[in-house]
């Protein structure tokens, strides 16, 4: 096993006298949800968790699982160009592995651009997919060779025309996000009528109207949800063709799910549904297609290892226990907001009697509660000092961690491979 990235320097190590490490032999294959963790805990991750002396919390990502997911997506959607959504997990070793696999990249900031370029991504493989950008950020990306930018408003289009002249532009459509556990609608995108007008304006401003994009929401559990967006896009393609503007690309966004507590459809079903929608809407004249996976590529590849800090009750008669972990909303688990994303949890006592549990983070802030709706039942034997593992935690965790709230360090990330 090779470890490619380690925790930031300056993190206080956990001494062995203070913390007996919980190795993988202490973690049973099935968590309290009844779903097997063995399929997600690769042998390399189990070996890594068994190494003594590493303080919690931390995220560990198996790069070989990332590669497996990339190849699976390419097989399910063979015509699609894959643009990894760097925001999901910008660890350099992840981006470097995807560069080797021929991935393209979707970025949302100059910092993400620098990560991609530093590990060998070519500028023509990078799309600045964020529709809200500073003029200086557009100019910087342009100076580094980026020539593809997204927008959803006339003001943004004008900025691109001024600071990234003659670039290719993609207009983002506003679409319904029903079926997504982490919806993205509302903040991004514009109506179909506005999109058509803006793409005409792009020509007038000296830009190249490349195409359209939309996003059906993150952790989308309905493979049919892409149909409406594809239908709307096909109408805009046809409308602009009648005035002499030939759009060439349709970006279908992300949304392909990771495996949390809810069962998910197989990826092949997403590929078939999207292919059927493209054929129905475009006939034999479908444009080039792109997708922007983030969660799907890295979510199941990583786990968060954490320590139980305290187990308590609010009264002697209270049957519900509070389990406080050393990682919480401010430490990387922001997607537990509203219990939208429900991580599977493995403990050293799985298979033993369980009881209702509220799970909270370590900070001195009352909103740092992960799961409080009675949906989790953890083993009654769980005690302070136990190590637990949150499965499918490779996406939107380390990047969501605050920098020093209450003095807690950001979530360290380790990338490993065989």
Protein backbone atom coordinates (compact mmCIF):
# COMPACT_ATOMS: atom_id res chain seq x y z
CA UNK A 1 0.00 0.00 0.00
CA UNK A 2 1.27 3.45 -0.93
CA UNK A 3 0.17 6.60 0.86
CA UNK A 4 0.26 9.65 -1.42
CA UNK A 5 -0.89 12.44 0.84
CA UNK A 6 -0.69 12.91 4.55
CA UNK A 7 -2.25 15.08 7.19
CA UNK A 8 -1.24 18.73 7.37
CA UNK A 9 1.85 19.37 9.46
CA UNK A 10 1.30 20.72 12.92
CA UNK A 11 -1.55 18.40 13.82
CA UNK A 12 -1.06 17.02 17.34
CA UNK A 13 -0.54 13.23 17.17
CA UNK A 14 -2.72 11.00 19.29
CA UNK A 15 -0.46 9.08 21.64
CA UNK A 16 -1.03 5.34 21.91
CA UNK A 17 -1.53 5.58 25.66
CA UNK A 18 -4.43 7.94 25.13
CA UNK A 19 -6.10 6.15 22.24
CA UNK A 20 -6.01 2.42 21.52
CA UNK A 21 -6.36 2.35 17.73
CA UNK A 22 -9.44 0.61 16.39
CA UNK A 23 -8.23 -1.64 13.62
CA UNK A 24 -10.32 -3.13 10.85
CA UNK A 25 -10.49 -6.45 12.66
CA UNK A 26 -12.62 -4.65 15.27
CA UNK A 27 -14.99 -3.28 12.63
CA UNK A 28 -17.59 -5.84 11.57
CA UNK A 29 -18.65 -5.99 7.92
CA UNK A 30 -22.24 -4.89 8.55
CA UNK A 31 -23.27 -1.56 10.05
CA UNK A 32 -26.48 -0.75 11.96
CA UNK A 33 -28.33 -0.13 8.71
CA UNK A 34 -27.88 -3.78 7.74
CA UNK A 35 -25.93 -2.79 4.63
CA UNK A 36 -22.55 -4.39 4.21
CA UNK A 37 -19.58 -2.14 4.74
CA UNK A 38 -17.20 -4.73 3.35
CA UNK A 39 -18.05 -3.76 -0.21
CA UNK A 40 -16.91 -0.19 0.47
CA UNK A 41 -14.05 -0.74 2.91
CA UNK A 42 -11.38 -1.88 0.50
CA UNK A 43 -8.55 -4.02 1.78
CA UNK A 44 -6.23 -1.03 1.49
CA UNK A 45 -8.51 1.17 3.61
CA UNK A 46 -8.89 -1.57 6.22
CA UNK A 47 -5.11 -1.89 6.36
CA UNK A 48 -4.76 1.87 6.70
CA UNK A 49 -7.31 2.04 9.53
CA UNK A 50 -5.37 -0.68 11.35
CA UNK A 51 -2.18 1.37 11.52
CA UNK A 52 -1.60 2.63 15.09
CA UNK A 53 -0.94 6.15 16.28
CA UNK A 54 -2.98 8.16 13.78
CA UNK A 55 -5.19 10.77 15.43
CA UNK A 56 -8.82 11.22 14.46
CA UNK A 57 -10.77 12.50 12.68
CA UNK A 58 -9.41 11.93 9.20
CA UNK A 59 -10.52 11.09 5.68
CA UNK A 60 -8.86 8.31 3.72
CA UNK A 61 -9.49 7.88 -0.02
CA UNK A 62 -8.61 4.81 -2.09
CA UNK A 63 -7.44 6.13 -5.47
CA UNK A 64 -7.99 2.77 -7.13
CA UNK A 65 -11.68 2.98 -6.26
CA UNK A 66 -11.77 6.45 -7.85
CA UNK A 67 -10.30 4.94 -11.01
CA UNK A 68 -12.82 2.09 -10.94
CA UNK A 69 -15.70 4.59 -10.73
CA UNK A 70 -14.26 6.63 -13.60
CA UNK A 71 -14.06 3.57 -15.82
CA UNK A 72 -17.56 2.49 -14.79
CA UNK A 73 -18.99 5.88 -15.77
CA UNK A 74 -17.14 5.90 -19.07
CA UNK A 75 -18.60 2.46 -19.86
CA UNK A 76 -22.14 3.52 -18.88
CA UNK A 77 -22.00 6.76 -20.92
CA UNK A 78 -19.46 6.07 -23.66
CA UNK A 79 -20.23 9.18 -25.77
CA UNK A 80 -19.84 11.60 -22.87
CA UNK A 81 -16.75 13.64 -22.07
CA UNK A 82 -16.16 13.40 -18.32
CA UNK A 83 -15.42 16.65 -16.46
CA UNK A 84 -14.55 15.89 -12.85
CA UNK A 85 -16.16 18.43 -10.49
CA UNK A 86 -13.04 19.35 -8.55
CA UNK A 87 -15.07 20.87 -5.70
CA UNK A 88 -16.14 17.37 -4.62
CA UNK A 89 -12.60 16.63 -3.45
CA UNK A 90 -9.66 18.67 -4.75
CA UNK A 91 -6.93 16.46 -3.29
CA UNK A 92 -4.03 16.68 -5.72
CA UNK A 93 -3.53 12.93 -5.82
CA UNK A 94 -7.14 12.43 -6.91
CA UNK A 95 -6.83 15.05 -9.65
CA UNK A 96 -3.45 13.61 -10.71
CA UNK A 97 -4.94 10.10 -11.06
CA UNK A 98 -7.81 11.47 -13.15
CA UNK A 99 -5.39 13.37 -15.38
CA UNK A 100 -3.70 10.04 -16.12
CA UNK A 101 -7.09 8.56 -17.02
CA UNK A 102 -7.81 11.32 -19.55
CA UNK A 103 -10.44 13.17 -17.54
CA UNK A 104 -11.48 16.76 -18.13
CA UNK A 105 -12.13 19.06 -15.17
CA UNK A 106 -14.89 21.40 -14.00
CA UNK A 107 -13.58 24.17 -11.76
CA UNK A 108 -15.18 26.92 -9.69
CA UNK A 109 -12.21 29.06 -8.62
CA UNK A 110 -8.64 30.06 -9.47
CA UNK A 111 -7.40 27.80 -6.66
CA UNK A 112 -9.04 24.76 -8.26
CA UNK A 113 -7.56 25.79 -11.60
CA UNK A 114 -4.09 25.94 -10.07
CA UNK A 115 -4.51 22.46 -8.58
CA UNK A 116 -5.43 21.04 -11.99
CA UNK A 117 -2.58 22.73 -13.82
CA UNK A 118 -0.05 21.85 -11.13
CA UNK A 119 -0.67 18.11 -11.53
CA UNK A 120 -0.60 18.17 -15.32
CA UNK A 121 -4.09 18.94 -16.60
CA UNK A 122 -4.07 20.78 -19.90
CA UNK A 123 -5.99 24.08 -20.07
CA UNK A 124 -8.15 22.94 -22.98
CA UNK A 125 -9.48 20.16 -20.73
CA UNK A 126 -10.71 22.62 -18.11
CA UNK A 127 -14.14 24.24 -17.99
CA UNK A 128 -14.82 27.15 -15.66
CA UNK A 129 -18.29 25.90 -14.81
CA UNK A 130 -19.22 28.35 -12.06
CA UNK A 131 -21.69 30.96 -13.30
CA UNK A 132 -20.70 33.58 -10.71
CA UNK A 133 -17.12 34.78 -11.15
CA UNK A 134 -15.08 37.88 -10.37
CA UNK A 135 -13.77 39.68 -13.42
CA UNK A 136 -10.26 39.16 -12.08
CA UNK A 137 -10.86 35.41 -11.80
CA UNK A 138 -12.05 35.22 -15.41
CA UNK A 139 -8.98 37.15 -16.53
CA UNK A 140 -6.69 34.88 -14.52
CA UNK A 141 -8.19 31.70 -15.96
CA UNK A 142 -7.93 33.14 -19.45
CA UNK A 143 -4.27 34.03 -18.87
CA UNK A 144 -3.64 30.40 -17.89
CA UNK A 145 -5.18 29.10 -21.10
CA UNK A 146 -8.79 28.32 -20.13
CA UNK A 147 -11.16 28.99 -23.01
CA UNK A 148 -14.48 27.53 -21.82
CA UNK A 149 -16.71 29.43 -19.40
CA UNK A 150 -20.25 28.98 -18.08
CA UNK A 151 -22.77 31.77 -17.49
CA UNK A 152 -26.47 32.26 -16.77
CA UNK A 153 -26.91 36.04 -16.98
CA UNK A 154 -26.19 38.91 -19.33
CA UNK A 155 -23.90 40.61 -16.80
CA UNK A 156 -21.74 37.49 -16.54
CA UNK A 157 -21.66 37.13 -20.31
CA UNK A 158 -20.38 40.68 -20.66
CA UNK A 159 -17.60 40.02 -18.14
CA UNK A 160 -16.51 36.95 -20.09
CA UNK A 161 -16.53 38.91 -23.36
CA UNK A 162 -14.34 41.60 -21.82
CA UNK A 163 -11.85 39.46 -19.90
CA UNK A 164 -11.85 36.22 -21.92
CA UNK A 165 -12.44 37.39 -25.51
CA UNK A 166 -13.41 34.86 -28.16
CA UNK A 167 -13.87 32.12 -25.55
CA UNK A 168 -16.44 29.34 -25.85
CA UNK A 169 -19.41 29.86 -23.56
CA UNK A 170 -22.04 27.51 -22.16
CA UNK A 171 -25.34 28.81 -20.82
CA UNK A 172 -26.74 27.03 -17.78
CA UNK A 173 -30.44 26.23 -17.75
CA UNK A 174 -32.63 26.29 -14.67
CA UNK A 175 -34.23 22.84 -14.27
CA UNK A 176 -36.28 20.96 -11.71
CA UNK A 177 -34.28 19.04 -9.07
CA UNK A 178 -36.98 16.64 -7.89
CA UNK A 179 -35.49 13.34 -6.78
CA UNK A 180 -32.19 14.87 -5.62
CA UNK A 181 -31.15 14.52 -1.99
CA UNK A 182 -28.98 17.66 -2.30
CA UNK A 183 -30.90 20.00 -4.67
CA UNK A 184 -29.04 22.72 -6.56
CA UNK A 185 -31.92 24.53 -8.26
CA UNK A 186 -32.71 28.18 -7.63
CA UNK A 187 -29.26 29.68 -7.28
CA UNK A 188 -27.95 28.70 -10.71
CA UNK A 189 -29.38 28.68 -14.23
CA UNK A 190 -31.83 30.74 -16.24
CA UNK A 191 -35.06 30.12 -18.15
CA UNK A 192 -35.08 28.58 -21.62
CA UNK A 193 -36.20 31.83 -23.22
CA UNK A 194 -33.44 33.80 -21.56
CA UNK A 195 -30.83 31.17 -22.45
CA UNK A 196 -31.71 31.38 -26.15
CA UNK A 197 -31.47 35.17 -26.11
CA UNK A 198 -28.17 35.16 -24.21
CA UNK A 199 -26.56 32.75 -26.65
CA UNK A 200 -27.52 35.06 -29.52
CA UNK A 201 -25.98 37.91 -27.53
CA UNK A 202 -22.80 35.84 -27.15
CA UNK A 203 -22.30 35.96 -30.91
CA UNK A 204 -22.76 39.72 -30.92
CA UNK A 205 -20.13 40.00 -28.17
CA UNK A 206 -17.59 38.03 -30.17
CA UNK A 207 -17.86 34.83 -28.13
CA UNK A 208 -18.34 31.26 -29.33
CA UNK A 209 -21.77 29.89 -28.25
CA UNK A 210 -20.70 26.32 -27.51
CA UNK A 211 -23.89 25.01 -25.94
CA UNK A 212 -26.03 24.48 -22.88
CA UNK A 213 -25.70 22.88 -19.48
CA UNK A 214 -28.02 21.93 -16.65
CA UNK A 215 -27.82 20.07 -13.34
CA UNK A 216 -30.56 17.80 -11.99
CA UNK A 217 -29.29 18.05 -8.41
CA UNK A 218 -26.66 16.18 -6.45
CA UNK A 219 -27.34 12.61 -5.32
CA UNK A 220 -30.11 12.28 -7.89
CA UNK A 221 -32.02 9.02 -7.33
CA UNK A 222 -34.27 9.20 -10.41
CA UNK A 223 -32.47 8.27 -13.65
CA UNK A 224 -35.37 9.75 -15.66
CA UNK A 225 -34.82 13.23 -14.25
CA UNK A 226 -32.53 14.26 -17.14
CA UNK A 227 -35.37 13.95 -19.67
CA UNK A 228 -36.95 17.36 -19.14
CA UNK A 229 -33.64 19.20 -19.33
CA UNK A 230 -32.69 17.37 -22.52
CA UNK A 231 -36.10 18.19 -24.04
CA UNK A 232 -35.73 21.88 -23.24
CA UNK A 233 -32.17 21.92 -24.56
CA UNK A 234 -33.22 20.28 -27.84
CA UNK A 235 -35.81 23.01 -28.35
CA UNK A 236 -33.18 25.72 -27.87
CA UNK A 237 -30.75 23.94 -30.24
CA UNK A 238 -33.46 23.88 -32.91
CA UNK A 239 -34.51 27.49 -32.29
CA UNK A 240 -30.98 28.83 -32.64
CA UNK A 241 -30.25 26.67 -35.69
CA UNK A 242 -33.08 28.52 -37.45
CA UNK A 243 -31.21 31.79 -37.01
CA UNK A 244 -27.88 30.35 -38.09
CA UNK A 245 -26.32 29.53 -34.70
CA UNK A 246 -25.15 25.93 -34.39
CA UNK A 247 -24.74 24.83 -30.77
CA UNK A 248 -22.38 21.86 -30.48
CA UNK A 249 -22.38 20.62 -26.88
CA UNK A 250 -24.83 19.67 -24.14
CA UNK A 251 -23.45 19.38 -20.61
CA UNK A 252 -25.69 17.12 -18.51
CA UNK A 253 -24.04 18.10 -15.23
CA UNK A 254 -23.59 15.70 -12.33
CA UNK A 255 -26.06 14.02 -10.03
CA UNK A 256 -24.83 10.42 -10.25
CA UNK A 257 -25.10 9.10 -6.71
CA UNK A 258 -22.88 7.52 -4.10
CA UNK A 259 -24.14 4.76 -1.80
CA UNK A 260 -25.43 6.21 1.45
CA UNK A 261 -28.19 4.62 3.54
CA UNK A 262 -30.82 4.74 0.79
CA UNK A 263 -30.42 2.21 -1.98
CA UNK A 264 -29.50 3.70 -5.36
CA UNK A 265 -30.26 2.54 -8.91
CA UNK A 266 -27.40 0.91 -10.82
CA UNK A 267 -25.36 3.29 -12.93
CA UNK A 268 -26.18 1.41 -16.11
CA UNK A 269 -29.79 2.50 -15.62
CA UNK A 270 -28.72 6.13 -15.69
CA UNK A 271 -26.79 5.56 -18.89
CA UNK A 272 -29.75 3.90 -20.59
CA UNK A 273 -32.22 6.56 -19.46
CA UNK A 274 -29.98 9.39 -20.68
CA UNK A 275 -29.32 7.66 -24.01
CA UNK A 276 -33.07 7.12 -24.51
CA UNK A 277 -33.77 10.79 -23.72
CA UNK A 278 -31.12 12.03 -26.15
CA UNK A 279 -32.45 9.84 -28.96
CA UNK A 280 -36.03 10.89 -28.29
CA UNK A 281 -35.25 14.62 -28.14
CA UNK A 282 -32.55 14.96 -30.76
CA UNK A 283 -33.16 11.97 -33.01
CA UNK A 284 -30.02 11.13 -34.95
CA UNK A 285 -28.56 14.60 -34.52
CA UNK A 286 -27.53 14.58 -30.87
CA UNK A 287 -24.72 17.01 -30.00
CA UNK A 288 -21.50 16.21 -28.18
CA UNK A 289 -22.34 15.36 -24.57
CA UNK A 290 -20.49 16.10 -21.35
CA UNK A 291 -21.09 15.13 -17.72
CA UNK A 292 -19.67 16.63 -14.50
CA UNK A 293 -19.47 13.86 -11.88
CA UNK A 294 -18.07 14.63 -8.47
CA UNK A 295 -19.79 12.62 -5.76
CA UNK A 296 -20.00 9.50 -7.92
CA UNK A 297 -16.26 9.37 -8.57
CA UNK A 298 -14.96 10.02 -5.06
CA UNK A 299 -17.83 9.48 -2.60
CA UNK A 300 -17.62 5.71 -2.24
CA UNK A 301 -13.82 5.81 -2.47
CA UNK A 302 -13.40 7.44 0.94
CA UNK A 303 -14.29 6.94 4.58
CA UNK A 304 -14.05 9.20 7.60
CA UNK A 305 -12.61 7.69 10.75
CA UNK A 306 -13.76 9.41 13.94
CA UNK A 307 -13.68 8.93 17.70
CA UNK A 308 -16.61 8.88 20.10
CA UNK A 309 -16.02 11.73 22.55
CA UNK A 310 -19.02 11.27 24.80
CA UNK A 311 -22.17 9.17 25.19
CA UNK A 312 -24.81 10.75 27.42
CA UNK A 313 -28.51 11.19 28.15
CA UNK A 314 -30.50 14.32 28.99
CA UNK A 315 -32.39 12.71 31.88
CA UNK A 316 -32.32 9.43 33.81
CA UNK A 317 -35.56 8.40 32.10
CA UNK A 318 -34.43 9.33 28.59
CA UNK A 319 -34.12 6.31 26.31
CA UNK A 320 -32.36 8.32 23.59
CA UNK A 321 -28.61 8.68 23.92
CA UNK A 322 -26.51 11.51 22.58
CA UNK A 323 -23.35 10.31 20.85
CA UNK A 324 -20.81 13.08 20.33
CA UNK A 325 -18.09 12.52 17.73
CA UNK A 326 -14.84 14.40 17.17
CA UNK A 327 -16.09 15.36 13.70
CA UNK A 328 -19.24 17.33 12.95
CA UNK A 329 -20.85 19.84 10.65
CA UNK A 330 -17.99 22.29 10.99
CA UNK A 331 -15.41 19.53 10.52
CA UNK A 332 -16.60 18.38 7.12
CA UNK A 333 -20.06 16.85 7.57
CA UNK A 334 -22.02 19.87 6.33
CA UNK A 335 -24.19 17.72 4.07
CA UNK A 336 -25.94 16.32 7.14
CA UNK A 337 -27.90 19.60 7.08
CA UNK A 338 -31.55 18.59 7.25
CA UNK A 339 -30.25 14.99 7.31
CA UNK A 340 -30.06 15.21 3.52
CA UNK A 341 -27.05 12.91 3.27
CA UNK A 342 -27.18 9.93 5.62
CA UNK A 343 -23.83 8.21 5.99
CA UNK A 344 -23.64 4.54 6.85
CA UNK A 345 -21.77 4.01 10.10
CA UNK A 346 -19.64 1.09 11.24
CA UNK A 347 -18.83 0.69 14.96
CA UNK A 348 -16.77 -1.86 16.91
CA UNK A 349 -20.00 -3.19 18.46
CA UNK A 350 -22.15 -3.84 15.40
CA UNK A 351 -24.36 -6.87 15.79
CA UNK A 352 -25.03 -6.07 19.45
CA UNK A 353 -28.29 -4.52 20.85
CA UNK A 354 -29.00 -0.99 19.63
CA UNK A 355 -31.04 1.98 20.80
CA UNK A 356 -32.24 5.38 19.53
CA UNK A 357 -29.39 7.80 19.08
CA UNK A 358 -28.82 11.49 18.37
CA UNK A 359 -25.42 12.00 16.74
CA UNK A 360 -23.64 15.32 17.23
CA UNK A 361 -20.30 16.96 16.55
CA UNK A 362 -17.70 18.22 19.03
CA UNK A 363 -18.01 22.00 18.74
CA UNK A 364 -19.54 24.39 21.24
CA UNK A 365 -22.37 25.27 18.85
CA UNK A 366 -25.93 24.02 19.17
CA UNK A 367 -26.41 23.55 15.41
CA UNK A 368 -23.59 20.99 15.33
CA UNK A 369 -26.04 18.09 15.36
CA UNK A 370 -25.72 15.57 12.53
CA UNK A 371 -28.71 13.30 13.01
CA UNK A 372 -31.47 14.15 15.50
CA UNK A 373 -34.66 12.85 13.91
CA UNK A 374 -34.51 9.36 15.34
CA UNK A 375 -33.30 7.73 12.14
CA UNK A 376 -30.15 6.22 13.68
CA UNK A 377 -29.92 3.40 16.20
CA UNK A 378 -26.39 2.66 17.38
CA UNK A 379 -25.10 -0.13 19.66
CA UNK A 380 -25.76 0.34 23.36
CA UNK A 381 -22.19 -0.70 24.13
CA UNK A 382 -20.76 2.33 22.29
CA UNK A 383 -18.42 4.22 24.62
CA UNK A 384 -16.10 7.24 24.61
CA UNK A 385 -12.82 6.32 22.94
CA UNK A 386 -14.41 3.94 20.42
CA UNK A 387 -13.51 4.57 16.81
CA UNK A 388 -16.28 4.56 14.22
CA UNK A 389 -16.19 4.79 10.43
CA UNK A 390 -18.51 6.79 8.19
CA UNK A 391 -18.75 5.12 4.80
CA UNK A 392 -18.94 6.79 1.38
CA UNK A 393 -17.51 10.01 2.80
CA UNK A 394 -15.00 10.82 0.07
CA UNK A 395 -17.01 13.71 -1.43
CA UNK A 396 -17.84 17.11 0.05
CA UNK A 397 -16.27 16.44 3.45
CA UNK A 398 -12.67 17.71 3.69
CA UNK A 399 -13.55 20.66 1.45
CA UNK A 400 -16.47 21.63 3.69
CA UNK A 401 -14.37 21.62 6.87
CA UNK A 402 -13.98 25.00 8.54
CA UNK A 403 -10.55 26.44 9.20
CA UNK A 404 -10.14 26.43 12.95
CA UNK A 405 -13.67 26.89 14.32
CA UNK A 406 -13.39 26.33 18.09
CA UNK A 407 -9.73 25.56 17.43
CA UNK A 408 -10.44 22.27 15.69
CA UNK A 409 -8.17 21.54 12.74
CA UNK A 410 -9.54 20.98 9.23
CA UNK A 411 -10.16 17.35 8.29
CA UNK A 412 -6.88 15.76 7.14
CA UNK A 413 -7.00 13.74 3.91
CA UNK A 414 -4.90 10.68 3.10
CA UNK A 415 -4.88 9.22 -0.41
CA UNK A 416 -3.76 5.61 -0.78
CA UNK A 417 -3.34 3.15 -3.64
CA UNK A 418 -2.12 -0.38 -4.20
